[in-house]
Amino acid sequence: MQSNVTITKQYVFMIERNIILNVFDCVNNATNEREVYYIQKGGCEGTIGFKKGQAMYTPPSNSADTSRNLTQPSPYQPILLSTREVTDAELEKLAGLLQTDWRKLINKLGVDEDHCDKILRAHMQKSLKEKVKLCLQYWKSSTQNATVGVLARGLEAALLKPLITAALRE
């Protein structure tokens, strides 16, 4: 069965911290005309309009807020919101990139440092990358929420934001 529309572009806008808007610029397969669809997560009063790839937020008339253009968030945004489980390949890649900053991330993820120290001692002959990967795998196995988004937010909190797009995907 053929779908009714083909998505040509997708935009993700963060209106406020808890309001996210996914906009889909589509072509109707039957009429070949452009259609715009959106999915909103979080409550938003006011109106949102779209024109040529730009979104505009107009608050309700009783609000002190002013109209503003919504800009496409950074490339980190979809990764920070991801609910996909992180893969071992991503942990391995990240372990290679972390170098000496790995303890900052482990702390932000809430991993018991004593347990990581035990891993380090038990695998002294292995490279730092391998030991860090083992600590990250311990985090993954010890939490019910080992998602790409949680890991990305840990990197952000540890001030290691450039590693988000270097090691993770949406």
C-alpha atoms as a PDB file:
ATOM      1  CA  MET A   1       0.000   0.000   0.000  1.00  0.00           C
ATOM      2  CA  GLN A   2       1.369   3.404  -1.000  1.00  0.00           C
ATOM      3  CA  SER A   3       1.289   6.253   1.537  1.00  0.00           C
ATOM      4  CA  ASN A   4      -0.761   9.370   0.827  1.00  0.00           C
ATOM      5  CA  VAL A   5       2.119  11.783   1.404  1.00  0.00           C
ATOM      6  CA  THR A   6       5.880  11.806   1.056  1.00  0.00           C
ATOM      7  CA  ILE A   7       7.830  13.671   3.718  1.00  0.00           C
ATOM      8  CA  THR A   8      10.352  15.972   2.054  1.00  0.00           C
ATOM      9  CA  LYS A   9      11.718  17.687   5.170  1.00  0.00           C
ATOM     10  CA  GLN A  10      11.329  17.415   8.914  1.00  0.00           C
ATOM     11  CA  TYR A  11      11.915  20.255  11.348  1.00  0.00           C
ATOM     12  CA  VAL A  12      12.112  20.027  15.130  1.00  0.00           C
ATOM     13  CA  PHE A  13      11.419  23.188  17.108  1.00  0.00           C
ATOM     14  CA  MET A  14      11.711  23.668  20.847  1.00  0.00           C
ATOM     15  CA  ILE A  15       9.228  26.389  21.770  1.00  0.00           C
ATOM     16  CA  GLU A  16       9.943  26.167  25.467  1.00  0.00           C
ATOM     17  CA  ARG A  17      11.794  23.577  27.524  1.00  0.00           C
ATOM     18  CA  ASN A  18       8.770  21.274  27.707  1.00  0.00           C
ATOM     19  CA  ILE A  19       7.097  22.086  24.376  1.00  0.00           C
ATOM     20  CA  ILE A  20       8.471  20.400  21.273  1.00  0.00           C
ATOM     21  CA  LEU A  21       7.073  20.695  17.786  1.00  0.00           C
ATOM     22  CA  ASN A  22       7.831  18.283  14.934  1.00  0.00           C
ATOM     23  CA  VAL A  23       6.923  19.762  11.555  1.00  0.00           C
ATOM     24  CA  PHE A  24       6.686  17.640   8.431  1.00  0.00           C
ATOM     25  CA  ASP A  25       6.866  19.323   5.037  1.00  0.00           C
ATOM     26  CA  CYS A  26       5.169  16.862   2.678  1.00  0.00           C
ATOM     27  CA  VAL A  27       4.023  16.341  -0.880  1.00  0.00           C
ATOM     28  CA  ASN A  28       0.570  14.796  -1.394  1.00  0.00           C
ATOM     29  CA  ASN A  29       1.132  11.799  -3.687  1.00  0.00           C
ATOM     30  CA  ALA A  30      -2.324  12.078  -5.264  1.00  0.00           C
ATOM     31  CA  THR A  31      -2.385  15.824  -5.974  1.00  0.00           C
ATOM     32  CA  ASN A  32       1.368  16.590  -5.969  1.00  0.00           C
ATOM     33  CA  GLU A  33       0.643  19.618  -3.740  1.00  0.00           C
ATOM     34  CA  ARG A  34       2.593  20.697  -0.670  1.00  0.00           C
ATOM     35  CA  GLU A  35       1.100  19.929   2.750  1.00  0.00           C
ATOM     36  CA  VAL A  36       2.454  20.706   6.210  1.00  0.00           C
ATOM     37  CA  TYR A  37       1.711  18.517   9.233  1.00  0.00           C
ATOM     38  CA  TYR A  38       2.892  18.883  12.779  1.00  0.00           C
ATOM     39  CA  ILE A  39       2.982  16.930  16.009  1.00  0.00           C
ATOM     40  CA  GLN A  40       3.148  18.882  19.231  1.00  0.00           C
ATOM     41  CA  LYS A  41       4.461  17.477  22.519  1.00  0.00           C
ATOM     42  CA  GLY A  42       3.528  19.567  25.531  1.00  0.00           C
ATOM     43  CA  GLY A  43       0.823  22.144  26.084  1.00  0.00           C
ATOM     44  CA  CYS A  44       1.064  25.379  24.158  1.00  0.00           C
ATOM     45  CA  GLU A  45      -1.390  28.247  24.229  1.00  0.00           C
ATOM     46  CA  GLY A  46      -1.319  30.601  21.298  1.00  0.00           C
ATOM     47  CA  THR A  47      -0.856  29.791  17.627  1.00  0.00           C
ATOM     48  CA  ILE A  48       1.936  28.431  15.527  1.00  0.00           C
ATOM     49  CA  GLY A  49       2.179  29.305  11.848  1.00  0.00           C
ATOM     50  CA  PHE A  50       4.484  28.047   9.096  1.00  0.00           C
ATOM     51  CA  LYS A  51       5.822  29.721   6.004  1.00  0.00           C
ATOM     52  CA  LYS A  52       8.705  28.586   3.782  1.00  0.00           C
ATOM     53  CA  GLY A  53      10.416  26.432   6.395  1.00  0.00           C
ATOM     54  CA  GLN A  54      10.028  29.004   9.163  1.00  0.00           C
ATOM     55  CA  ALA A  55       7.707  28.634  12.128  1.00  0.00           C
ATOM     56  CA  MET A  56       6.227  31.583  14.006  1.00  0.00           C
ATOM     57  CA  TYR A  57       4.804  31.399  17.528  1.00  0.00           C
ATOM     58  CA  THR A  58       2.119  33.926  18.512  1.00  0.00           C
ATOM     59  CA  PRO A  59       1.211  33.831  22.213  1.00  0.00           C
ATOM     60  CA  PRO A  60      -2.373  34.243  23.411  1.00  0.00           C
ATOM     61  CA  SER A  61      -3.587  37.846  23.585  1.00  0.00           C
ATOM     62  CA  ASN A  62      -3.541  37.903  27.400  1.00  0.00           C
ATOM     63  CA  SER A  63       0.151  36.929  27.539  1.00  0.00           C
ATOM     64  CA  ALA A  64       3.083  39.262  28.192  1.00  0.00           C
ATOM     65  CA  ASP A  65       5.148  37.131  25.796  1.00  0.00           C
ATOM     66  CA  THR A  66       5.786  38.518  22.314  1.00  0.00           C
ATOM     67  CA  SER A  67       5.586  36.859  18.911  1.00  0.00           C
ATOM     68  CA  ARG A  68       8.807  35.281  17.825  1.00  0.00           C
ATOM     69  CA  ASN A  69      10.244  33.204  15.067  1.00  0.00           C
ATOM     70  CA  LEU A  70      11.077  29.676  16.098  1.00  0.00           C
ATOM     71  CA  THR A  71      14.469  28.577  14.985  1.00  0.00           C
ATOM     72  CA  GLN A  72      15.599  25.089  14.239  1.00  0.00           C
ATOM     73  CA  PRO A  73      17.408  23.843  17.336  1.00  0.00           C
ATOM     74  CA  SER A  74      20.945  22.573  17.310  1.00  0.00           C
ATOM     75  CA  PRO A  75      21.812  19.185  15.798  1.00  0.00           C
ATOM     76  CA  TYR A  76      21.974  17.895  19.377  1.00  0.00           C
ATOM     77  CA  GLN A  77      18.249  18.372  19.992  1.00  0.00           C
ATOM     78  CA  PRO A  78      16.862  15.188  18.339  1.00  0.00           C
ATOM     79  CA  ILE A  79      19.589  13.122  20.026  1.00  0.00           C
ATOM     80  CA  LEU A  80      18.857  14.653  23.446  1.00  0.00           C
ATOM     81  CA  LEU A  81      15.190  13.661  23.028  1.00  0.00           C
ATOM     82  CA  SER A  82      15.841  10.151  21.718  1.00  0.00           C
ATOM     83  CA  THR A  83      14.249   7.242  23.562  1.00  0.00           C
ATOM     84  CA  ARG A  84      16.135   4.588  21.583  1.00  0.00           C
ATOM     85  CA  GLU A  85      18.279   2.208  23.617  1.00  0.00           C
ATOM     86  CA  VAL A  86      21.971   2.982  23.277  1.00  0.00           C
ATOM     87  CA  THR A  87      23.971   0.325  21.413  1.00  0.00           C
ATOM     88  CA  ASP A  88      27.231  -1.313  22.456  1.00  0.00           C
ATOM     89  CA  ALA A  89      28.797   0.079  19.266  1.00  0.00           C
ATOM     90  CA  GLU A  90      27.885   3.615  20.379  1.00  0.00           C
ATOM     91  CA  LEU A  91      29.329   2.960  23.840  1.00  0.00           C
ATOM     92  CA  GLU A  92      32.544   1.681  22.260  1.00  0.00           C
ATOM     93  CA  LYS A  93      32.833   4.731  20.013  1.00  0.00           C
ATOM     94  CA  LEU A  94      32.143   7.053  22.925  1.00  0.00           C
ATOM     95  CA  ALA A  95      34.699   5.255  25.114  1.00  0.00           C
ATOM     96  CA  GLY A  96      37.338   5.957  22.479  1.00  0.00           C
ATOM     97  CA  LEU A  97      36.437   9.649  22.364  1.00  0.00           C
ATOM     98  CA  LEU A  98      36.135  10.305  26.093  1.00  0.00           C
ATOM     99  CA  GLN A  99      39.795   9.856  26.994  1.00  0.00           C
ATOM    100  CA  THR A 100      40.405  11.347  30.454  1.00  0.00           C
ATOM    101  CA  ASP A 101      36.949  12.964  30.697  1.00  0.00           C
ATOM    102  CA  TRP A 102      35.122   9.687  31.254  1.00  0.00           C
ATOM    103  CA  ARG A 103      34.735  10.147  35.042  1.00  0.00           C
ATOM    104  CA  LYS A 104      32.759  13.370  34.518  1.00  0.00           C
ATOM    105  CA  LEU A 105      30.254  11.469  32.386  1.00  0.00           C
ATOM    106  CA  ILE A 106      30.071   8.487  34.738  1.00  0.00           C
ATOM    107  CA  ASN A 107      29.276  10.851  37.631  1.00  0.00           C
ATOM    108  CA  LYS A 108      26.532  12.606  35.654  1.00  0.00           C
ATOM    109  CA  LEU A 109      24.985   9.237  34.758  1.00  0.00           C
ATOM    110  CA  GLY A 110      24.855   8.329  38.452  1.00  0.00           C
ATOM    111  CA  VAL A 111      27.183   5.346  38.184  1.00  0.00           C
ATOM    112  CA  ASP A 112      28.809   4.196  41.415  1.00  0.00           C
ATOM    113  CA  GLU A 113      32.462   5.281  41.124  1.00  0.00           C
ATOM    114  CA  ASP A 114      33.584   2.491  43.452  1.00  0.00           C
ATOM    115  CA  HIS A 115      32.150  -0.068  41.037  1.00  0.00           C
ATOM    116  CA  CYS A 116      34.004   1.551  38.121  1.00  0.00           C
ATOM    117  CA  ASP A 117      37.213   1.519  40.167  1.00  0.00           C
ATOM    118  CA  LYS A 118      36.707  -2.228  40.697  1.00  0.00           C
ATOM    119  CA  ILE A 119      36.310  -2.653  36.935  1.00  0.00           C
ATOM    120  CA  LEU A 120      39.532  -0.696  36.370  1.00  0.00           C
ATOM    121  CA  ARG A 121      41.457  -2.846  38.848  1.00  0.00           C
ATOM    122  CA  ALA A 122      40.044  -6.104  37.483  1.00  0.00           C
ATOM    123  CA  HIS A 123      41.041  -5.203  33.923  1.00  0.00           C
ATOM    124  CA  MET A 124      44.383  -3.455  34.474  1.00  0.00           C
ATOM    125  CA  GLN A 125      45.908  -5.083  31.398  1.00  0.00           C
ATOM    126  CA  LYS A 126      43.265  -3.579  29.082  1.00  0.00           C
ATOM    127  CA  SER A 127      43.437  -0.205  27.398  1.00  0.00           C
ATOM    128  CA  LEU A 128      41.707   2.822  28.901  1.00  0.00           C
ATOM    129  CA  LYS A 129      39.178   2.694  26.071  1.00  0.00           C
ATOM    130  CA  GLU A 130      38.237  -0.893  26.977  1.00  0.00           C
ATOM    131  CA  LYS A 131      37.938  -0.071  30.675  1.00  0.00           C
ATOM    132  CA  VAL A 132      35.749   2.976  29.982  1.00  0.00           C
ATOM    133  CA  LYS A 133      33.597   0.860  27.663  1.00  0.00           C
ATOM    134  CA  LEU A 134      33.139  -1.676  30.481  1.00  0.00           C
ATOM    135  CA  CYS A 135      32.046   1.107  32.864  1.00  0.00           C
ATOM    136  CA  LEU A 136      29.569   2.409  30.269  1.00  0.00           C
ATOM    137  CA  GLN A 137      28.256  -1.119  29.716  1.00  0.00           C
ATOM    138  CA  TYR A 138      27.840  -1.430  33.489  1.00  0.00           C
ATOM    139  CA  TRP A 139      25.756   1.769  33.410  1.00  0.00           C
ATOM    140  CA  LYS A 140      23.667   0.357  30.552  1.00  0.00           C
ATOM    141  CA  SER A 141      23.012  -2.925  32.365  1.00  0.00           C
ATOM    142  CA  SER A 142      22.270  -1.319  35.729  1.00  0.00           C
ATOM    143  CA  THR A 143      19.629   1.173  34.601  1.00  0.00           C
ATOM    144  CA  GLN A 144      16.179   0.701  33.160  1.00  0.00           C
ATOM    145  CA  ASN A 145      16.569   3.817  31.028  1.00  0.00           C
ATOM    146  CA  ALA A 146      19.796   3.375  29.059  1.00  0.00           C
ATOM    147  CA  THR A 147      18.685   5.494  26.138  1.00  0.00           C
ATOM    148  CA  VAL A 148      20.597   7.638  23.692  1.00  0.00           C
ATOM    149  CA  GLY A 149      18.799  10.690  25.131  1.00  0.00           C
ATOM    150  CA  VAL A 150      19.837   9.941  28.716  1.00  0.00           C
ATOM    151  CA  LEU A 151      23.446   9.381  27.644  1.00  0.00           C
ATOM    152  CA  ALA A 152      23.415  12.572  25.542  1.00  0.00           C
ATOM    153  CA  ARG A 153      22.028  14.599  28.448  1.00  0.00           C
ATOM    154  CA  GLY A 154      24.784  13.134  30.628  1.00  0.00           C
ATOM    155  CA  LEU A 155      27.373  14.309  28.105  1.00  0.00           C
ATOM    156  CA  GLU A 156      25.746  17.737  28.026  1.00  0.00           C
ATOM    157  CA  ALA A 157      25.754  17.964  31.838  1.00  0.00           C
ATOM    158  CA  ALA A 158      29.417  16.892  31.905  1.00  0.00           C
ATOM    159  CA  LEU A 159      30.233  19.739  29.488  1.00  0.00           C
ATOM    160  CA  LEU A 160      31.145  17.242  26.759  1.00  0.00           C
ATOM    161  CA  LYS A 161      28.509  18.350  24.250  1.00  0.00           C
ATOM    162  CA  PRO A 162      30.665  17.944  21.095  1.00  0.00           C
ATOM    163  CA  LEU A 163      30.828  14.211  21.785  1.00  0.00           C
ATOM    164  CA  ILE A 164      27.046  13.906  21.429  1.00  0.00           C
ATOM    165  CA  THR A 165      27.031  14.100  17.632  1.00  0.00           C
ATOM    166  CA  ALA A 166      30.444  12.484  17.349  1.00  0.00           C
ATOM    167  CA  ALA A 167      29.361   9.250  19.048  1.00  0.00           C
ATOM    168  CA  LEU A 168      25.567   9.085  19.026  1.00  0.00           C
ATOM    169  CA  ARG A 169      22.785   9.146  16.478  1.00  0.00           C
ATOM    170  CA  GLU A 170      19.096   9.810  16.850  1.00  0.00           C
END
